[in-house]
Amino acid sequence: MVHVLGSRTLIRPLDPAVSREFYGDRLGLAVYREFGTGEERGTVYFLGGGFLELSGRRPAGADGAAPDGAVRLWLQVADASAARDELAARGVEIVREPVREPWGLIEMWIADPDGLPIVLVEIPADHPLRHRPGI
């Protein structure tokens, strides 16, 4: 078995400056560290218990450049409705309003500037993920 010491999600945006503005200013993610200089610098954000790194640049029209739905970010929030209001006030387009799914989670959808789907998830107080038998 591989002993994983850490992990992060790595995104190669089409326009690093636009993506930094989205993740840093609009989503309000805190910067963990930056590396390099200028517009091409890499930025690593805190992402709950992990990290999100924007680095490099994906060339327009490159094979696999457009998100195809196979990858998406899943971000847990305390209150999906409050997150919706805050993000909308910051100019983030809400792709789908918060909805309680058949599996009991409340999900809202947005997308980053390159179209990468982002799911914001609230775990309601009565959901089984909040309760562990025997604890």
N, C-alpha and C. Protein backbone atom coordinates (compact mmCIF):
# COMPACT_ATOMS: atom_id res chain seq x y z
N MET A 1 0.84 -1.17 0.00
CA MET A 1 0.00 0.00 0.00
C MET A 1 0.89 1.24 0.00
N VAL A 2 0.51 2.25 -0.76
CA VAL A 2 1.24 3.51 -0.82
C VAL A 2 0.86 4.34 0.40
N HIS A 3 1.86 4.85 1.09
CA HIS A 3 1.62 5.70 2.25
C HIS A 3 1.58 7.15 1.78
N VAL A 4 0.37 7.71 1.68
CA VAL A 4 0.19 9.07 1.18
C VAL A 4 0.41 10.05 2.33
N LEU A 5 1.33 10.99 2.15
CA LEU A 5 1.64 11.96 3.19
C LEU A 5 0.83 13.25 3.05
N GLY A 6 0.35 13.53 1.89
CA GLY A 6 -0.44 14.74 1.66
C GLY A 6 -1.02 14.69 0.27
N SER A 7 -1.91 15.62 -0.01
CA SER A 7 -2.50 15.65 -1.35
C SER A 7 -3.01 17.05 -1.63
N ARG A 8 -3.23 17.30 -2.91
CA ARG A 8 -3.87 18.55 -3.32
C ARG A 8 -4.49 18.32 -4.69
N THR A 9 -5.45 19.12 -5.02
CA THR A 9 -6.05 19.12 -6.34
C THR A 9 -5.31 20.16 -7.16
N LEU A 10 -4.86 19.80 -8.35
CA LEU A 10 -4.08 20.67 -9.22
C LEU A 10 -4.91 21.06 -10.43
N ILE A 11 -5.02 22.36 -10.69
CA ILE A 11 -5.76 22.87 -11.84
C ILE A 11 -4.79 23.67 -12.70
N ARG A 12 -4.79 23.40 -14.00
CA ARG A 12 -4.00 24.20 -14.95
C ARG A 12 -5.01 25.07 -15.71
N PRO A 13 -5.17 26.32 -15.29
CA PRO A 13 -6.20 27.17 -15.90
C PRO A 13 -5.80 27.71 -17.26
N LEU A 14 -6.79 28.12 -18.02
CA LEU A 14 -6.53 28.78 -19.30
C LEU A 14 -5.94 30.17 -19.06
N ASP A 15 -6.43 30.88 -18.05
CA ASP A 15 -5.95 32.22 -17.72
C ASP A 15 -5.72 32.28 -16.22
N PRO A 16 -4.46 32.12 -15.78
CA PRO A 16 -4.17 32.08 -14.35
C PRO A 16 -4.68 33.29 -13.57
N ALA A 17 -4.58 34.49 -14.12
CA ALA A 17 -5.02 35.69 -13.40
C ALA A 17 -6.53 35.66 -13.16
N VAL A 18 -7.29 35.25 -14.16
CA VAL A 18 -8.75 35.16 -14.02
C VAL A 18 -9.10 34.10 -12.98
N SER A 19 -8.40 32.97 -13.00
CA SER A 19 -8.69 31.90 -12.04
C SER A 19 -8.29 32.32 -10.62
N ARG A 20 -7.16 33.03 -10.48
CA ARG A 20 -6.78 33.51 -9.14
C ARG A 20 -7.83 34.49 -8.60
N GLU A 21 -8.35 35.34 -9.46
CA GLU A 21 -9.38 36.28 -9.02
C GLU A 21 -10.64 35.51 -8.59
N PHE A 22 -11.00 34.47 -9.33
CA PHE A 22 -12.19 33.68 -8.99
C PHE A 22 -12.01 32.96 -7.66
N TYR A 23 -10.95 32.17 -7.53
CA TYR A 23 -10.76 31.37 -6.32
C TYR A 23 -10.39 32.22 -5.11
N GLY A 24 -9.57 33.26 -5.31
CA GLY A 24 -9.14 34.08 -4.18
C GLY A 24 -10.14 35.14 -3.79
N ASP A 25 -10.61 35.92 -4.76
CA ASP A 25 -11.50 37.04 -4.46
C ASP A 25 -12.97 36.65 -4.39
N ARG A 26 -13.43 35.90 -5.38
CA ARG A 26 -14.86 35.58 -5.40
C ARG A 26 -15.23 34.45 -4.44
N LEU A 27 -14.45 33.35 -4.45
CA LEU A 27 -14.74 32.27 -3.50
C LEU A 27 -14.17 32.59 -2.12
N GLY A 28 -13.17 33.45 -2.08
CA GLY A 28 -12.60 33.86 -0.79
C GLY A 28 -11.69 32.82 -0.16
N LEU A 29 -11.07 31.95 -0.98
CA LEU A 29 -10.15 30.96 -0.42
C LEU A 29 -8.86 31.65 0.04
N ALA A 30 -8.35 31.25 1.19
CA ALA A 30 -7.12 31.82 1.73
C ALA A 30 -5.91 31.19 1.04
N VAL A 31 -4.89 32.02 0.79
CA VAL A 31 -3.67 31.55 0.13
C VAL A 31 -2.79 30.84 1.16
N TYR A 32 -2.38 29.63 0.82
CA TYR A 32 -1.43 28.87 1.62
C TYR A 32 0.00 29.29 1.26
N ARG A 33 0.28 29.34 -0.04
CA ARG A 33 1.60 29.77 -0.51
C ARG A 33 1.53 30.10 -1.99
N GLU A 34 2.50 30.87 -2.44
CA GLU A 34 2.67 31.16 -3.85
C GLU A 34 4.10 30.83 -4.24
N PHE A 35 4.30 30.50 -5.51
CA PHE A 35 5.64 30.22 -5.99
C PHE A 35 5.78 30.76 -7.40
N GLY A 36 7.00 31.13 -7.77
CA GLY A 36 7.22 31.76 -9.05
C GLY A 36 6.86 33.24 -8.96
N THR A 37 6.88 33.90 -10.13
CA THR A 37 6.60 35.33 -10.16
C THR A 37 5.70 35.67 -11.33
N GLY A 38 5.15 36.87 -11.29
CA GLY A 38 4.35 37.38 -12.39
C GLY A 38 3.03 36.65 -12.58
N GLU A 39 2.47 36.84 -13.76
CA GLU A 39 1.16 36.26 -14.07
C GLU A 39 1.17 34.73 -14.08
N GLU A 40 2.32 34.14 -14.33
CA GLU A 40 2.40 32.68 -14.41
C GLU A 40 2.70 32.03 -13.07
N ARG A 41 2.76 32.82 -11.98
CA ARG A 41 3.08 32.24 -10.68
C ARG A 41 2.02 31.22 -10.26
N GLY A 42 2.45 30.27 -9.45
CA GLY A 42 1.52 29.29 -8.91
C GLY A 42 0.96 29.77 -7.59
N THR A 43 -0.27 29.41 -7.30
CA THR A 43 -0.92 29.79 -6.06
C THR A 43 -1.58 28.55 -5.48
N VAL A 44 -1.31 28.29 -4.20
CA VAL A 44 -1.92 27.16 -3.50
C VAL A 44 -2.86 27.74 -2.45
N TYR A 45 -4.11 27.29 -2.48
CA TYR A 45 -5.13 27.77 -1.55
C TYR A 45 -5.45 26.69 -0.53
N PHE A 46 -5.81 27.13 0.69
CA PHE A 46 -6.37 26.20 1.66
C PHE A 46 -7.73 25.76 1.14
N LEU A 47 -8.04 24.48 1.28
CA LEU A 47 -9.31 23.95 0.80
C LEU A 47 -9.82 22.96 1.84
N GLY A 48 -10.33 23.47 2.94
CA GLY A 48 -10.77 22.59 4.02
C GLY A 48 -9.59 21.81 4.54
N GLY A 49 -9.65 20.49 4.49
CA GLY A 49 -8.56 19.64 4.94
C GLY A 49 -7.51 19.38 3.88
N GLY A 50 -7.59 20.04 2.75
CA GLY A 50 -6.63 19.83 1.67
C GLY A 50 -6.23 21.14 1.03
N PHE A 51 -5.71 21.06 -0.17
CA PHE A 51 -5.23 22.24 -0.88
C PHE A 51 -5.69 22.21 -2.33
N LEU A 52 -5.82 23.40 -2.92
CA LEU A 52 -6.12 23.57 -4.33
C LEU A 52 -4.99 24.39 -4.92
N GLU A 53 -4.30 23.86 -5.92
CA GLU A 53 -3.18 24.55 -6.53
C GLU A 53 -3.52 24.96 -7.95
N LEU A 54 -3.33 26.25 -8.26
CA LEU A 54 -3.40 26.75 -9.62
C LEU A 54 -1.97 26.94 -10.07
N SER A 55 -1.55 26.25 -11.12
CA SER A 55 -0.18 26.42 -11.59
C SER A 55 -0.10 26.12 -13.07
N GLY A 56 0.84 26.77 -13.71
CA GLY A 56 1.00 26.59 -15.14
C GLY A 56 -0.16 27.20 -15.89
N ARG A 57 -0.21 26.88 -17.15
CA ARG A 57 -1.28 27.38 -18.00
C ARG A 57 -1.62 26.28 -19.00
N ARG A 58 -2.89 26.01 -19.14
CA ARG A 58 -3.35 25.02 -20.11
C ARG A 58 -3.56 25.74 -21.42
N PRO A 59 -2.95 25.29 -22.49
CA PRO A 59 -3.14 25.98 -23.77
C PRO A 59 -4.56 25.80 -24.29
N ALA A 60 -5.12 26.87 -24.80
CA ALA A 60 -6.46 26.81 -25.39
C ALA A 60 -6.48 25.79 -26.51
N GLY A 61 -7.50 24.97 -26.54
CA GLY A 61 -7.65 23.98 -27.59
C GLY A 61 -6.79 22.74 -27.42
N ALA A 62 -6.05 22.67 -26.31
CA ALA A 62 -5.22 21.49 -26.07
C ALA A 62 -6.11 20.29 -25.81
N ASP A 63 -5.61 19.12 -26.15
CA ASP A 63 -6.35 17.88 -25.92
C ASP A 63 -6.72 17.80 -24.44
N GLY A 64 -7.99 17.62 -24.16
CA GLY A 64 -8.45 17.52 -22.78
C GLY A 64 -8.59 18.87 -22.10
N ALA A 65 -8.55 19.97 -22.87
CA ALA A 65 -8.58 21.30 -22.27
C ALA A 65 -9.95 21.64 -21.69
N ALA A 66 -11.01 21.22 -22.34
CA ALA A 66 -12.34 21.56 -21.84
C ALA A 66 -12.79 20.55 -20.80
N PRO A 67 -13.28 21.05 -19.65
CA PRO A 67 -13.80 20.11 -18.65
C PRO A 67 -14.92 19.27 -19.25
N ASP A 68 -14.89 17.99 -18.99
CA ASP A 68 -15.89 17.10 -19.57
C ASP A 68 -16.84 16.53 -18.54
N GLY A 69 -16.79 17.02 -17.31
CA GLY A 69 -17.68 16.53 -16.27
C GLY A 69 -17.11 15.36 -15.49
N ALA A 70 -15.98 14.81 -15.94
CA ALA A 70 -15.40 13.67 -15.23
C ALA A 70 -14.75 14.11 -13.92
N VAL A 71 -14.37 15.37 -13.84
CA VAL A 71 -13.74 15.90 -12.64
C VAL A 71 -14.55 17.09 -12.17
N ARG A 72 -14.73 17.19 -10.87
CA ARG A 72 -15.39 18.34 -10.28
C ARG A 72 -14.87 18.53 -8.87
N LEU A 73 -14.95 19.73 -8.37
CA LEU A 73 -14.58 19.99 -6.98
C LEU A 73 -15.81 19.82 -6.11
N TRP A 74 -15.63 19.23 -4.94
CA TRP A 74 -16.71 19.03 -3.96
C TRP A 74 -16.28 19.77 -2.72
N LEU A 75 -16.99 20.85 -2.38
CA LEU A 75 -16.63 21.68 -1.24
C LEU A 75 -17.75 21.66 -0.22
N GLN A 76 -17.46 21.20 0.99
CA GLN A 76 -18.47 21.18 2.04
C GLN A 76 -18.55 22.55 2.69
N VAL A 77 -19.77 23.06 2.85
CA VAL A 77 -20.02 24.33 3.51
C VAL A 77 -21.00 24.11 4.66
N ALA A 78 -20.99 25.02 5.63
CA ALA A 78 -21.90 24.90 6.78
C ALA A 78 -23.34 25.19 6.38
N ASP A 79 -23.54 26.14 5.46
CA ASP A 79 -24.89 26.58 5.10
C ASP A 79 -24.90 26.93 3.61
N ALA A 80 -25.53 26.08 2.81
CA ALA A 80 -25.54 26.28 1.36
C ALA A 80 -26.27 27.55 0.96
N SER A 81 -27.36 27.90 1.65
CA SER A 81 -28.10 29.11 1.32
C SER A 81 -27.27 30.36 1.59
N ALA A 82 -26.58 30.38 2.72
CA ALA A 82 -25.72 31.52 3.05
C ALA A 82 -24.56 31.61 2.05
N ALA A 83 -23.98 30.47 1.68
CA ALA A 83 -22.90 30.46 0.70
C ALA A 83 -23.41 30.97 -0.64
N ARG A 84 -24.62 30.59 -1.01
CA ARG A 84 -25.23 31.05 -2.26
C ARG A 84 -25.34 32.56 -2.28
N ASP A 85 -25.86 33.14 -1.18
CA ASP A 85 -26.04 34.59 -1.12
C ASP A 85 -24.69 35.32 -1.17
N GLU A 86 -23.70 34.81 -0.44
CA GLU A 86 -22.38 35.43 -0.41
C GLU A 86 -21.71 35.37 -1.79
N LEU A 87 -21.77 34.21 -2.44
CA LEU A 87 -21.14 34.07 -3.74
C LEU A 87 -21.85 34.90 -4.81
N ALA A 88 -23.16 34.92 -4.79
CA ALA A 88 -23.91 35.73 -5.75
C ALA A 88 -23.57 37.21 -5.58
N ALA A 89 -23.42 37.66 -4.34
CA ALA A 89 -23.06 39.05 -4.08
C ALA A 89 -21.66 39.37 -4.61
N ARG A 90 -20.80 38.35 -4.71
CA ARG A 90 -19.44 38.54 -5.24
C ARG A 90 -19.39 38.35 -6.76
N GLY A 91 -20.54 38.14 -7.38
CA GLY A 91 -20.59 38.02 -8.83
C GLY A 91 -20.40 36.62 -9.37
N VAL A 92 -20.46 35.60 -8.51
CA VAL A 92 -20.33 34.22 -8.97
C VAL A 92 -21.67 33.76 -9.53
N GLU A 93 -21.66 33.21 -10.75
CA GLU A 93 -22.88 32.69 -11.34
C GLU A 93 -23.29 31.40 -10.64
N ILE A 94 -24.52 31.34 -10.20
CA ILE A 94 -25.06 30.13 -9.58
C ILE A 94 -25.63 29.27 -10.70
N VAL A 95 -25.00 28.13 -10.97
CA VAL A 95 -25.44 27.24 -12.05
C VAL A 95 -26.71 26.52 -11.63
N ARG A 96 -26.77 26.11 -10.36
CA ARG A 96 -27.99 25.48 -9.83
C ARG A 96 -28.14 25.88 -8.37
N GLU A 97 -29.31 26.34 -8.03
CA GLU A 97 -29.61 26.77 -6.66
C GLU A 97 -29.49 25.58 -5.69
N PRO A 98 -29.34 25.86 -4.38
CA PRO A 98 -29.28 24.76 -3.42
C PRO A 98 -30.55 23.90 -3.46
N VAL A 99 -30.35 22.58 -3.52
CA VAL A 99 -31.45 21.62 -3.59
C VAL A 99 -31.12 20.46 -2.67
N ARG A 100 -32.10 20.00 -1.90
CA ARG A 100 -31.90 18.78 -1.10
C ARG A 100 -32.05 17.59 -2.03
N GLU A 101 -30.95 16.83 -2.16
CA GLU A 101 -30.92 15.69 -3.07
C GLU A 101 -31.61 14.48 -2.43
N PRO A 102 -31.99 13.49 -3.26
CA PRO A 102 -32.63 12.28 -2.72
C PRO A 102 -31.77 11.57 -1.67
N TRP A 103 -30.44 11.73 -1.73
CA TRP A 103 -29.55 11.09 -0.76
C TRP A 103 -29.39 11.94 0.50
N GLY A 104 -30.12 13.08 0.58
CA GLY A 104 -30.18 13.86 1.81
C GLY A 104 -29.24 15.04 1.93
N LEU A 105 -28.27 15.17 1.04
CA LEU A 105 -27.37 16.32 1.08
C LEU A 105 -27.99 17.50 0.35
N ILE A 106 -27.64 18.70 0.76
CA ILE A 106 -28.07 19.90 0.06
C ILE A 106 -26.91 20.31 -0.84
N GLU A 107 -27.16 20.38 -2.15
CA GLU A 107 -26.11 20.69 -3.11
C GLU A 107 -26.46 21.92 -3.93
N MET A 108 -25.43 22.73 -4.19
CA MET A 108 -25.54 23.89 -5.06
C MET A 108 -24.38 23.79 -6.05
N TRP A 109 -24.59 24.23 -7.28
CA TRP A 109 -23.56 24.11 -8.30
C TRP A 109 -23.13 25.48 -8.80
N ILE A 110 -21.81 25.63 -8.97
CA ILE A 110 -21.22 26.79 -9.63
C ILE A 110 -20.15 26.23 -10.57
N ALA A 111 -19.43 27.10 -11.26
CA ALA A 111 -18.34 26.66 -12.13
C ALA A 111 -17.23 27.70 -12.08
N ASP A 112 -16.00 27.25 -12.27
CA ASP A 112 -14.88 28.20 -12.30
C ASP A 112 -14.81 28.85 -13.68
N PRO A 113 -13.90 29.80 -13.90
CA PRO A 113 -13.86 30.50 -15.19
C PRO A 113 -13.63 29.61 -16.40
N ASP A 114 -13.03 28.42 -16.20
CA ASP A 114 -12.81 27.50 -17.31
C ASP A 114 -13.92 26.47 -17.45
N GLY A 115 -14.97 26.59 -16.63
CA GLY A 115 -16.09 25.68 -16.71
C GLY A 115 -15.98 24.46 -15.81
N LEU A 116 -14.96 24.38 -14.95
CA LEU A 116 -14.82 23.24 -14.04
C LEU A 116 -15.99 23.26 -13.05
N PRO A 117 -16.79 22.20 -13.00
CA PRO A 117 -17.93 22.17 -12.08
C PRO A 117 -17.47 22.14 -10.62
N ILE A 118 -18.15 22.94 -9.81
CA ILE A 118 -17.88 22.98 -8.36
C ILE A 118 -19.21 22.75 -7.66
N VAL A 119 -19.23 21.74 -6.78
CA VAL A 119 -20.42 21.40 -6.02
C VAL A 119 -20.20 21.86 -4.59
N LEU A 120 -21.06 22.74 -4.09
CA LEU A 120 -21.01 23.14 -2.69
C LEU A 120 -22.06 22.31 -1.97
N VAL A 121 -21.65 21.65 -0.90
CA VAL A 121 -22.49 20.66 -0.23
C VAL A 121 -22.67 21.02 1.23
N GLU A 122 -23.92 21.01 1.67
CA GLU A 122 -24.25 21.15 3.09
C GLU A 122 -24.73 19.80 3.59
N ILE A 123 -24.22 19.37 4.72
CA ILE A 123 -24.68 18.12 5.33
C ILE A 123 -25.66 18.49 6.44
N PRO A 124 -26.96 18.27 6.21
CA PRO A 124 -27.96 18.64 7.21
C PRO A 124 -27.75 17.91 8.54
N ALA A 125 -28.25 18.53 9.60
CA ALA A 125 -28.07 17.98 10.95
C ALA A 125 -28.64 16.57 11.08
N ASP A 126 -29.69 16.23 10.32
CA ASP A 126 -30.32 14.92 10.42
C ASP A 126 -29.73 13.88 9.47
N HIS A 127 -28.67 14.24 8.73
CA HIS A 127 -28.09 13.31 7.75
C HIS A 127 -27.20 12.28 8.46
N PRO A 128 -27.18 11.02 7.96
CA PRO A 128 -26.34 9.98 8.57
C PRO A 128 -24.83 10.32 8.62
N LEU A 129 -24.35 11.16 7.72
CA LEU A 129 -22.93 11.54 7.77
C LEU A 129 -22.59 12.30 9.05
N ARG A 130 -23.61 12.87 9.69
CA ARG A 130 -23.40 13.61 10.94
C ARG A 130 -23.44 12.71 12.17
N HIS A 131 -23.87 11.48 11.98
CA HIS A 131 -24.06 10.57 13.12
C HIS A 131 -23.29 9.28 12.88
N ARG A 132 -22.52 8.88 13.86
CA ARG A 132 -21.79 7.63 13.77
C ARG A 132 -22.28 6.69 14.86
N PRO A 133 -22.80 5.54 14.46
CA PRO A 133 -23.30 4.59 15.47
C PRO A 133 -22.20 4.22 16.47
N GLY A 134 -22.58 4.19 17.72
CA GLY A 134 -21.64 3.77 18.77
C GLY A 134 -20.71 4.86 19.25
N ILE A 135 -20.88 6.08 18.71
CA ILE A 135 -20.00 7.17 19.16
C ILE A 135 -20.79 8.15 20.00
